[in-house]
Amino acid sequence: MTMYKGRSVLAVVPARGGSKGVPLKNLHPLMGRPLVAHVGDIVRGAGLFDRAVVSTDHDGIAAAAEKCGLSAPFRRPPDLSGDRVGDWEVLHHALVEVERLDRTSYDVVVMLQPTSPLRTSGQVVAAVARLIDGDWDA
């Protein structure tokens, strides 16, 4: 494990296929690459994640995520794929699935949404550092 300041850190990328406003928005290109691919850049640039997974219900999004270095080891069930499902349910499902698959537990879970492509790796590192240094629960 990579461990950041003695903590194991999991990145979860929520990327369902069924958007009402912009169908398959997580695959829409920005600067020639799908939105989900930009998250892979952030994960690599941050250098603090022990594991980064995409939580999706769509095989095409899973394939695009894997091309950019994210893992897609499970599919999100239909009851967690609607437009009224909260972040907590999605993150909890992803954490339980990854911990089961990896046979380990993670100390910190970071949600990285593909629809926020302008954030930088430095901003992500700073946020995680503040969380851990402040011994915050968020």
N, C-alpha and C. Protein backbone atom coordinates (compact mmCIF):
# COMPACT_ATOMS: atom_id res chain seq x y z
N MET A 1 0.83 -1.19 0.00
CA MET A 1 0.00 0.00 0.00
C MET A 1 0.87 1.25 0.00
N THR A 2 0.34 2.28 -0.62
CA THR A 2 1.03 3.57 -0.71
C THR A 2 1.05 4.28 0.63
N MET A 3 -0.07 4.32 1.31
CA MET A 3 -0.25 5.00 2.60
C MET A 3 0.17 6.47 2.50
N TYR A 4 -0.70 7.33 2.93
CA TYR A 4 -0.43 8.76 2.99
C TYR A 4 -0.52 9.17 4.45
N LYS A 5 0.60 9.60 4.99
CA LYS A 5 0.68 9.99 6.40
C LYS A 5 0.13 8.89 7.31
N GLY A 6 0.47 7.65 6.94
CA GLY A 6 0.06 6.51 7.74
C GLY A 6 -1.37 6.05 7.54
N ARG A 7 -2.06 6.61 6.57
CA ARG A 7 -3.46 6.25 6.31
C ARG A 7 -3.58 5.67 4.90
N SER A 8 -4.41 4.67 4.76
CA SER A 8 -4.71 4.14 3.43
C SER A 8 -5.86 4.96 2.84
N VAL A 9 -5.69 5.33 1.56
CA VAL A 9 -6.64 6.25 0.93
C VAL A 9 -7.22 5.62 -0.34
N LEU A 10 -8.54 5.61 -0.39
CA LEU A 10 -9.28 5.08 -1.54
C LEU A 10 -9.95 6.23 -2.27
N ALA A 11 -9.78 6.28 -3.58
CA ALA A 11 -10.51 7.24 -4.41
C ALA A 11 -11.69 6.51 -5.05
N VAL A 12 -12.87 7.10 -4.96
CA VAL A 12 -14.06 6.56 -5.60
C VAL A 12 -14.55 7.59 -6.62
N VAL A 13 -14.71 7.14 -7.85
CA VAL A 13 -15.16 7.99 -8.94
C VAL A 13 -16.59 7.57 -9.30
N PRO A 14 -17.60 8.35 -8.87
CA PRO A 14 -18.98 8.00 -9.20
C PRO A 14 -19.28 8.42 -10.64
N ALA A 15 -19.65 7.46 -11.48
CA ALA A 15 -19.85 7.77 -12.89
C ALA A 15 -20.94 6.87 -13.49
N ARG A 16 -22.18 7.18 -13.17
CA ARG A 16 -23.26 6.35 -13.71
C ARG A 16 -23.53 6.71 -15.16
N GLY A 17 -24.17 5.80 -15.85
CA GLY A 17 -24.45 6.02 -17.26
C GLY A 17 -25.75 6.75 -17.53
N GLY A 18 -26.68 6.73 -16.61
CA GLY A 18 -28.02 7.23 -16.88
C GLY A 18 -28.31 8.65 -16.48
N SER A 19 -27.62 9.60 -17.04
CA SER A 19 -27.92 11.00 -16.76
C SER A 19 -29.09 11.45 -17.62
N LYS A 20 -30.05 12.15 -17.01
CA LYS A 20 -31.21 12.64 -17.77
C LYS A 20 -30.84 13.85 -18.62
N GLY A 21 -30.05 14.77 -18.07
CA GLY A 21 -29.72 16.00 -18.77
C GLY A 21 -28.77 15.80 -19.93
N VAL A 22 -27.68 15.09 -19.69
CA VAL A 22 -26.67 14.83 -20.72
C VAL A 22 -26.37 13.33 -20.67
N PRO A 23 -26.99 12.56 -21.54
CA PRO A 23 -26.77 11.11 -21.52
C PRO A 23 -25.28 10.76 -21.65
N LEU A 24 -24.83 9.86 -20.80
CA LEU A 24 -23.43 9.40 -20.77
C LEU A 24 -22.45 10.57 -20.65
N LYS A 25 -22.81 11.54 -19.82
CA LYS A 25 -21.98 12.75 -19.67
C LYS A 25 -20.55 12.43 -19.25
N ASN A 26 -20.33 11.36 -18.50
CA ASN A 26 -18.99 11.03 -18.03
C ASN A 26 -18.06 10.57 -19.16
N LEU A 27 -18.65 10.27 -20.31
CA LEU A 27 -17.86 9.92 -21.50
C LEU A 27 -17.71 11.09 -22.46
N HIS A 28 -18.37 12.20 -22.18
CA HIS A 28 -18.25 13.36 -23.07
C HIS A 28 -16.82 13.88 -23.07
N PRO A 29 -16.34 14.25 -24.24
CA PRO A 29 -14.95 14.70 -24.32
C PRO A 29 -14.75 16.13 -23.82
N LEU A 30 -13.64 16.31 -23.17
CA LEU A 30 -13.14 17.62 -22.79
C LEU A 30 -11.68 17.63 -23.22
N MET A 31 -11.32 18.54 -24.09
CA MET A 31 -9.96 18.58 -24.64
C MET A 31 -9.59 17.22 -25.26
N GLY A 32 -10.56 16.62 -25.95
CA GLY A 32 -10.30 15.40 -26.69
C GLY A 32 -10.32 14.10 -25.90
N ARG A 33 -10.64 14.18 -24.61
CA ARG A 33 -10.65 12.97 -23.77
C ARG A 33 -11.92 12.95 -22.93
N PRO A 34 -12.43 11.74 -22.63
CA PRO A 34 -13.64 11.67 -21.81
C PRO A 34 -13.42 12.28 -20.43
N LEU A 35 -14.48 12.83 -19.86
CA LEU A 35 -14.38 13.43 -18.52
C LEU A 35 -13.76 12.46 -17.52
N VAL A 36 -14.15 11.19 -17.57
CA VAL A 36 -13.63 10.22 -16.61
C VAL A 36 -12.11 10.06 -16.74
N ALA A 37 -11.56 10.26 -17.93
CA ALA A 37 -10.11 10.13 -18.12
C ALA A 37 -9.34 11.21 -17.37
N HIS A 38 -9.93 12.36 -17.23
CA HIS A 38 -9.26 13.44 -16.50
C HIS A 38 -9.11 13.11 -15.02
N VAL A 39 -10.02 12.30 -14.49
CA VAL A 39 -9.89 11.86 -13.10
C VAL A 39 -8.66 10.96 -12.95
N GLY A 40 -8.42 10.11 -13.93
CA GLY A 40 -7.22 9.27 -13.89
C GLY A 40 -5.95 10.10 -13.80
N ASP A 41 -5.91 11.22 -14.50
CA ASP A 41 -4.76 12.14 -14.42
C ASP A 41 -4.59 12.68 -13.00
N ILE A 42 -5.70 13.06 -12.38
CA ILE A 42 -5.66 13.59 -11.01
C ILE A 42 -5.13 12.54 -10.05
N VAL A 43 -5.63 11.32 -10.19
CA VAL A 43 -5.20 10.23 -9.30
C VAL A 43 -3.70 10.00 -9.43
N ARG A 44 -3.21 9.91 -10.66
CA ARG A 44 -1.77 9.68 -10.86
C ARG A 44 -0.95 10.86 -10.34
N GLY A 45 -1.41 12.07 -10.62
CA GLY A 45 -0.68 13.26 -10.19
C GLY A 45 -0.64 13.44 -8.69
N ALA A 46 -1.68 13.01 -8.01
CA ALA A 46 -1.74 13.17 -6.55
C ALA A 46 -0.75 12.26 -5.85
N GLY A 47 -0.59 11.05 -6.34
CA GLY A 47 0.37 10.12 -5.75
C GLY A 47 0.07 9.70 -4.32
N LEU A 48 -1.17 9.80 -3.89
CA LEU A 48 -1.47 9.46 -2.51
C LEU A 48 -2.51 8.35 -2.37
N PHE A 49 -3.05 7.89 -3.48
CA PHE A 49 -4.12 6.89 -3.41
C PHE A 49 -3.57 5.48 -3.44
N ASP A 50 -4.06 4.68 -2.50
CA ASP A 50 -3.71 3.26 -2.49
C ASP A 50 -4.50 2.52 -3.57
N ARG A 51 -5.68 3.04 -3.86
CA ARG A 51 -6.56 2.40 -4.84
C ARG A 51 -7.51 3.46 -5.36
N ALA A 52 -7.85 3.39 -6.65
CA ALA A 52 -8.82 4.29 -7.25
C ALA A 52 -9.77 3.46 -8.10
N VAL A 53 -11.07 3.56 -7.78
CA VAL A 53 -12.06 2.76 -8.49
C VAL A 53 -13.17 3.66 -9.02
N VAL A 54 -13.77 3.21 -10.11
CA VAL A 54 -14.95 3.88 -10.63
C VAL A 54 -16.17 3.07 -10.20
N SER A 55 -17.18 3.78 -9.73
CA SER A 55 -18.46 3.17 -9.37
C SER A 55 -19.42 3.50 -10.50
N THR A 56 -19.70 2.51 -11.34
CA THR A 56 -20.53 2.75 -12.51
C THR A 56 -21.48 1.59 -12.75
N ASP A 57 -22.51 1.88 -13.52
CA ASP A 57 -23.46 0.87 -13.94
C ASP A 57 -23.34 0.62 -15.44
N HIS A 58 -22.31 1.18 -16.06
CA HIS A 58 -22.20 1.18 -17.52
C HIS A 58 -20.85 0.62 -17.96
N ASP A 59 -20.89 -0.40 -18.82
CA ASP A 59 -19.66 -1.05 -19.27
C ASP A 59 -18.75 -0.11 -20.07
N GLY A 60 -19.33 0.80 -20.84
CA GLY A 60 -18.52 1.74 -21.62
C GLY A 60 -17.76 2.70 -20.73
N ILE A 61 -18.39 3.16 -19.67
CA ILE A 61 -17.71 4.04 -18.71
C ILE A 61 -16.62 3.26 -18.00
N ALA A 62 -16.91 2.01 -17.63
CA ALA A 62 -15.90 1.17 -16.98
C ALA A 62 -14.69 0.99 -17.89
N ALA A 63 -14.91 0.74 -19.16
CA ALA A 63 -13.80 0.55 -20.11
C ALA A 63 -12.97 1.82 -20.25
N ALA A 64 -13.64 2.97 -20.36
CA ALA A 64 -12.92 4.25 -20.48
C ALA A 64 -12.12 4.52 -19.21
N ALA A 65 -12.70 4.20 -18.05
CA ALA A 65 -12.00 4.42 -16.78
C ALA A 65 -10.76 3.54 -16.69
N GLU A 66 -10.88 2.29 -17.09
CA GLU A 66 -9.74 1.38 -17.03
C GLU A 66 -8.63 1.80 -17.99
N LYS A 67 -9.00 2.38 -19.14
CA LYS A 67 -7.99 2.88 -20.08
C LYS A 67 -7.14 3.99 -19.48
N CYS A 68 -7.72 4.75 -18.54
CA CYS A 68 -6.99 5.88 -17.95
C CYS A 68 -6.40 5.53 -16.59
N GLY A 69 -6.40 4.25 -16.24
CA GLY A 69 -5.72 3.83 -15.02
C GLY A 69 -6.59 3.66 -13.80
N LEU A 70 -7.90 3.87 -13.94
CA LEU A 70 -8.81 3.62 -12.83
C LEU A 70 -9.27 2.16 -12.91
N SER A 71 -9.62 1.61 -11.80
CA SER A 71 -10.11 0.24 -11.74
C SER A 71 -11.64 0.24 -11.77
N ALA A 72 -12.22 -0.78 -12.40
CA ALA A 72 -13.68 -0.93 -12.41
C ALA A 72 -14.01 -2.37 -12.05
N PRO A 73 -13.73 -2.76 -10.79
CA PRO A 73 -13.84 -4.17 -10.41
C PRO A 73 -15.26 -4.66 -10.12
N PHE A 74 -16.24 -3.77 -10.15
CA PHE A 74 -17.63 -4.14 -9.88
C PHE A 74 -18.53 -3.17 -10.63
N ARG A 75 -19.81 -3.53 -10.74
CA ARG A 75 -20.80 -2.62 -11.30
C ARG A 75 -21.76 -2.20 -10.21
N ARG A 76 -22.18 -0.99 -10.28
CA ARG A 76 -23.14 -0.45 -9.33
C ARG A 76 -24.51 -1.08 -9.62
N PRO A 77 -25.19 -1.54 -8.58
CA PRO A 77 -26.51 -2.16 -8.80
C PRO A 77 -27.56 -1.13 -9.22
N PRO A 78 -28.62 -1.59 -9.90
CA PRO A 78 -29.65 -0.68 -10.38
C PRO A 78 -30.27 0.20 -9.30
N ASP A 79 -30.42 -0.32 -8.09
CA ASP A 79 -31.03 0.49 -7.03
C ASP A 79 -30.13 1.64 -6.57
N LEU A 80 -28.86 1.65 -7.01
CA LEU A 80 -27.95 2.76 -6.69
C LEU A 80 -27.58 3.57 -7.94
N SER A 81 -28.36 3.41 -9.00
CA SER A 81 -28.04 4.06 -10.26
C SER A 81 -29.03 5.13 -10.68
N GLY A 82 -30.02 5.40 -9.86
CA GLY A 82 -31.01 6.41 -10.21
C GLY A 82 -30.53 7.83 -9.94
N ASP A 83 -31.29 8.78 -10.45
CA ASP A 83 -30.89 10.18 -10.29
C ASP A 83 -31.25 10.75 -8.92
N ARG A 84 -31.89 9.98 -8.08
CA ARG A 84 -32.21 10.44 -6.72
C ARG A 84 -31.39 9.71 -5.65
N VAL A 85 -30.40 8.97 -6.06
CA VAL A 85 -29.54 8.24 -5.12
C VAL A 85 -28.48 9.20 -4.60
N GLY A 86 -28.27 9.20 -3.29
CA GLY A 86 -27.30 10.11 -2.68
C GLY A 86 -25.86 9.62 -2.78
N ASP A 87 -24.95 10.55 -2.57
CA ASP A 87 -23.52 10.22 -2.60
C ASP A 87 -23.16 9.19 -1.55
N TRP A 88 -23.74 9.31 -0.35
CA TRP A 88 -23.40 8.40 0.73
C TRP A 88 -23.63 6.95 0.33
N GLU A 89 -24.78 6.66 -0.26
CA GLU A 89 -25.09 5.28 -0.64
C GLU A 89 -24.09 4.75 -1.68
N VAL A 90 -23.75 5.58 -2.63
CA VAL A 90 -22.80 5.18 -3.67
C VAL A 90 -21.41 4.94 -3.08
N LEU A 91 -20.95 5.87 -2.24
CA LEU A 91 -19.62 5.73 -1.63
C LEU A 91 -19.57 4.52 -0.69
N HIS A 92 -20.62 4.33 0.09
CA HIS A 92 -20.65 3.19 1.01
C HIS A 92 -20.61 1.88 0.24
N HIS A 93 -21.39 1.77 -0.81
CA HIS A 93 -21.38 0.55 -1.64
C HIS A 93 -19.98 0.30 -2.21
N ALA A 94 -19.37 1.34 -2.76
CA ALA A 94 -18.03 1.19 -3.34
C ALA A 94 -17.02 0.76 -2.29
N LEU A 95 -17.06 1.39 -1.13
CA LEU A 95 -16.13 1.04 -0.05
C LEU A 95 -16.30 -0.42 0.37
N VAL A 96 -17.52 -0.84 0.58
CA VAL A 96 -17.79 -2.22 1.00
C VAL A 96 -17.29 -3.20 -0.06
N GLU A 97 -17.58 -2.91 -1.33
CA GLU A 97 -17.16 -3.81 -2.41
C GLU A 97 -15.63 -3.90 -2.53
N VAL A 98 -14.97 -2.75 -2.49
CA VAL A 98 -13.51 -2.74 -2.63
C VAL A 98 -12.84 -3.40 -1.43
N GLU A 99 -13.32 -3.12 -0.24
CA GLU A 99 -12.72 -3.76 0.94
C GLU A 99 -12.92 -5.28 0.89
N ARG A 100 -14.06 -5.71 0.39
CA ARG A 100 -14.31 -7.15 0.24
C ARG A 100 -13.36 -7.75 -0.79
N LEU A 101 -13.23 -7.09 -1.93
CA LEU A 101 -12.35 -7.59 -2.99
C LEU A 101 -10.88 -7.57 -2.59
N ASP A 102 -10.46 -6.49 -1.93
CA ASP A 102 -9.06 -6.32 -1.56
C ASP A 102 -8.69 -6.99 -0.24
N ARG A 103 -9.71 -7.40 0.50
CA ARG A 103 -9.51 -7.99 1.83
C ARG A 103 -8.66 -7.08 2.72
N THR A 104 -9.06 -5.82 2.72
CA THR A 104 -8.39 -4.81 3.54
C THR A 104 -9.41 -3.74 3.89
N SER A 105 -9.02 -2.80 4.71
CA SER A 105 -9.90 -1.67 4.99
C SER A 105 -9.14 -0.38 4.66
N TYR A 106 -9.89 0.62 4.30
CA TYR A 106 -9.33 1.92 3.95
C TYR A 106 -9.69 2.93 5.02
N ASP A 107 -8.74 3.80 5.33
CA ASP A 107 -8.95 4.81 6.37
C ASP A 107 -9.67 6.04 5.86
N VAL A 108 -9.40 6.40 4.61
CA VAL A 108 -9.94 7.63 4.03
C VAL A 108 -10.54 7.29 2.66
N VAL A 109 -11.73 7.83 2.40
CA VAL A 109 -12.37 7.68 1.09
C VAL A 109 -12.55 9.07 0.50
N VAL A 110 -12.08 9.24 -0.73
CA VAL A 110 -12.17 10.53 -1.41
C VAL A 110 -13.03 10.35 -2.66
N MET A 111 -14.06 11.17 -2.79
CA MET A 111 -14.91 11.13 -3.97
C MET A 111 -14.37 12.13 -4.99
N LEU A 112 -14.11 11.64 -6.20
CA LEU A 112 -13.62 12.49 -7.29
C LEU A 112 -14.61 12.40 -8.45
N GLN A 113 -15.47 13.38 -8.56
CA GLN A 113 -16.49 13.36 -9.60
C GLN A 113 -15.91 13.78 -10.95
N PRO A 114 -16.22 13.04 -12.01
CA PRO A 114 -15.73 13.40 -13.34
C PRO A 114 -16.24 14.76 -13.82
N THR A 115 -17.34 15.21 -13.26
CA THR A 115 -17.93 16.47 -13.69
C THR A 115 -17.29 17.70 -13.03
N SER A 116 -16.15 17.48 -12.38
CA SER A 116 -15.35 18.59 -11.84
C SER A 116 -13.93 18.50 -12.42
N PRO A 117 -13.80 18.67 -13.73
CA PRO A 117 -12.51 18.42 -14.38
C PRO A 117 -11.45 19.50 -14.18
N LEU A 118 -11.80 20.62 -13.59
CA LEU A 118 -10.83 21.70 -13.45
C LEU A 118 -10.03 21.65 -12.16
N ARG A 119 -10.37 20.72 -11.27
CA ARG A 119 -9.58 20.61 -10.04
C ARG A 119 -8.19 20.08 -10.41
N THR A 120 -7.24 20.34 -9.53
CA THR A 120 -5.86 19.90 -9.78
C THR A 120 -5.47 18.82 -8.77
N SER A 121 -4.43 18.10 -9.11
CA SER A 121 -3.90 17.11 -8.17
C SER A 121 -3.47 17.78 -6.88
N GLY A 122 -2.88 18.96 -6.99
CA GLY A 122 -2.45 19.70 -5.80
C GLY A 122 -3.60 20.04 -4.88
N GLN A 123 -4.73 20.40 -5.44
CA GLN A 123 -5.91 20.71 -4.62
C GLN A 123 -6.41 19.46 -3.89
N VAL A 124 -6.37 18.33 -4.57
CA VAL A 124 -6.81 17.09 -3.95
C VAL A 124 -5.86 16.70 -2.82
N VAL A 125 -4.57 16.80 -3.06
CA VAL A 125 -3.59 16.48 -2.02
C VAL A 125 -3.77 17.41 -0.82
N ALA A 126 -3.96 18.70 -1.07
CA ALA A 126 -4.14 19.67 0.02
C ALA A 126 -5.39 19.35 0.83
N ALA A 127 -6.46 18.96 0.17
CA ALA A 127 -7.70 18.63 0.89
C ALA A 127 -7.52 17.39 1.76
N VAL A 128 -6.88 16.36 1.21
CA VAL A 128 -6.66 15.14 1.98
C VAL A 128 -5.70 15.41 3.14
N ALA A 129 -4.66 16.20 2.90
CA ALA A 129 -3.72 16.54 3.97
C ALA A 129 -4.43 17.29 5.11
N ARG A 130 -5.29 18.23 4.77
CA ARG A 130 -6.03 18.97 5.81
C ARG A 130 -6.95 18.05 6.59
N LEU A 131 -7.59 17.13 5.90
CA LEU A 131 -8.47 16.16 6.54
C LEU A 131 -7.70 15.32 7.55
N ILE A 132 -6.55 14.80 7.12
CA ILE A 132 -5.76 13.92 7.98
C ILE A 132 -5.06 14.72 9.07
N ASP A 133 -4.41 15.84 8.71
CA ASP A 133 -3.71 16.65 9.70
C ASP A 133 -4.66 17.20 10.77
N GLY A 134 -5.86 17.52 10.38
CA GLY A 134 -6.84 18.05 11.31
C GLY A 134 -7.60 16.97 12.06
N ASP A 135 -7.31 15.72 11.71
CA ASP A 135 -8.01 14.58 12.30
C ASP A 135 -9.52 14.77 12.18
N TRP A 136 -9.94 15.23 11.00
CA TRP A 136 -11.34 15.51 10.73
C TRP A 136 -12.07 14.26 10.27
N ASP A 137 -13.34 14.27 10.45
CA ASP A 137 -14.22 13.24 9.94
C ASP A 137 -15.19 13.95 9.02
N ALA A 138 -15.10 13.68 7.76
CA ALA A 138 -15.96 14.38 6.80
C ALA A 138 -16.66 13.41 5.88
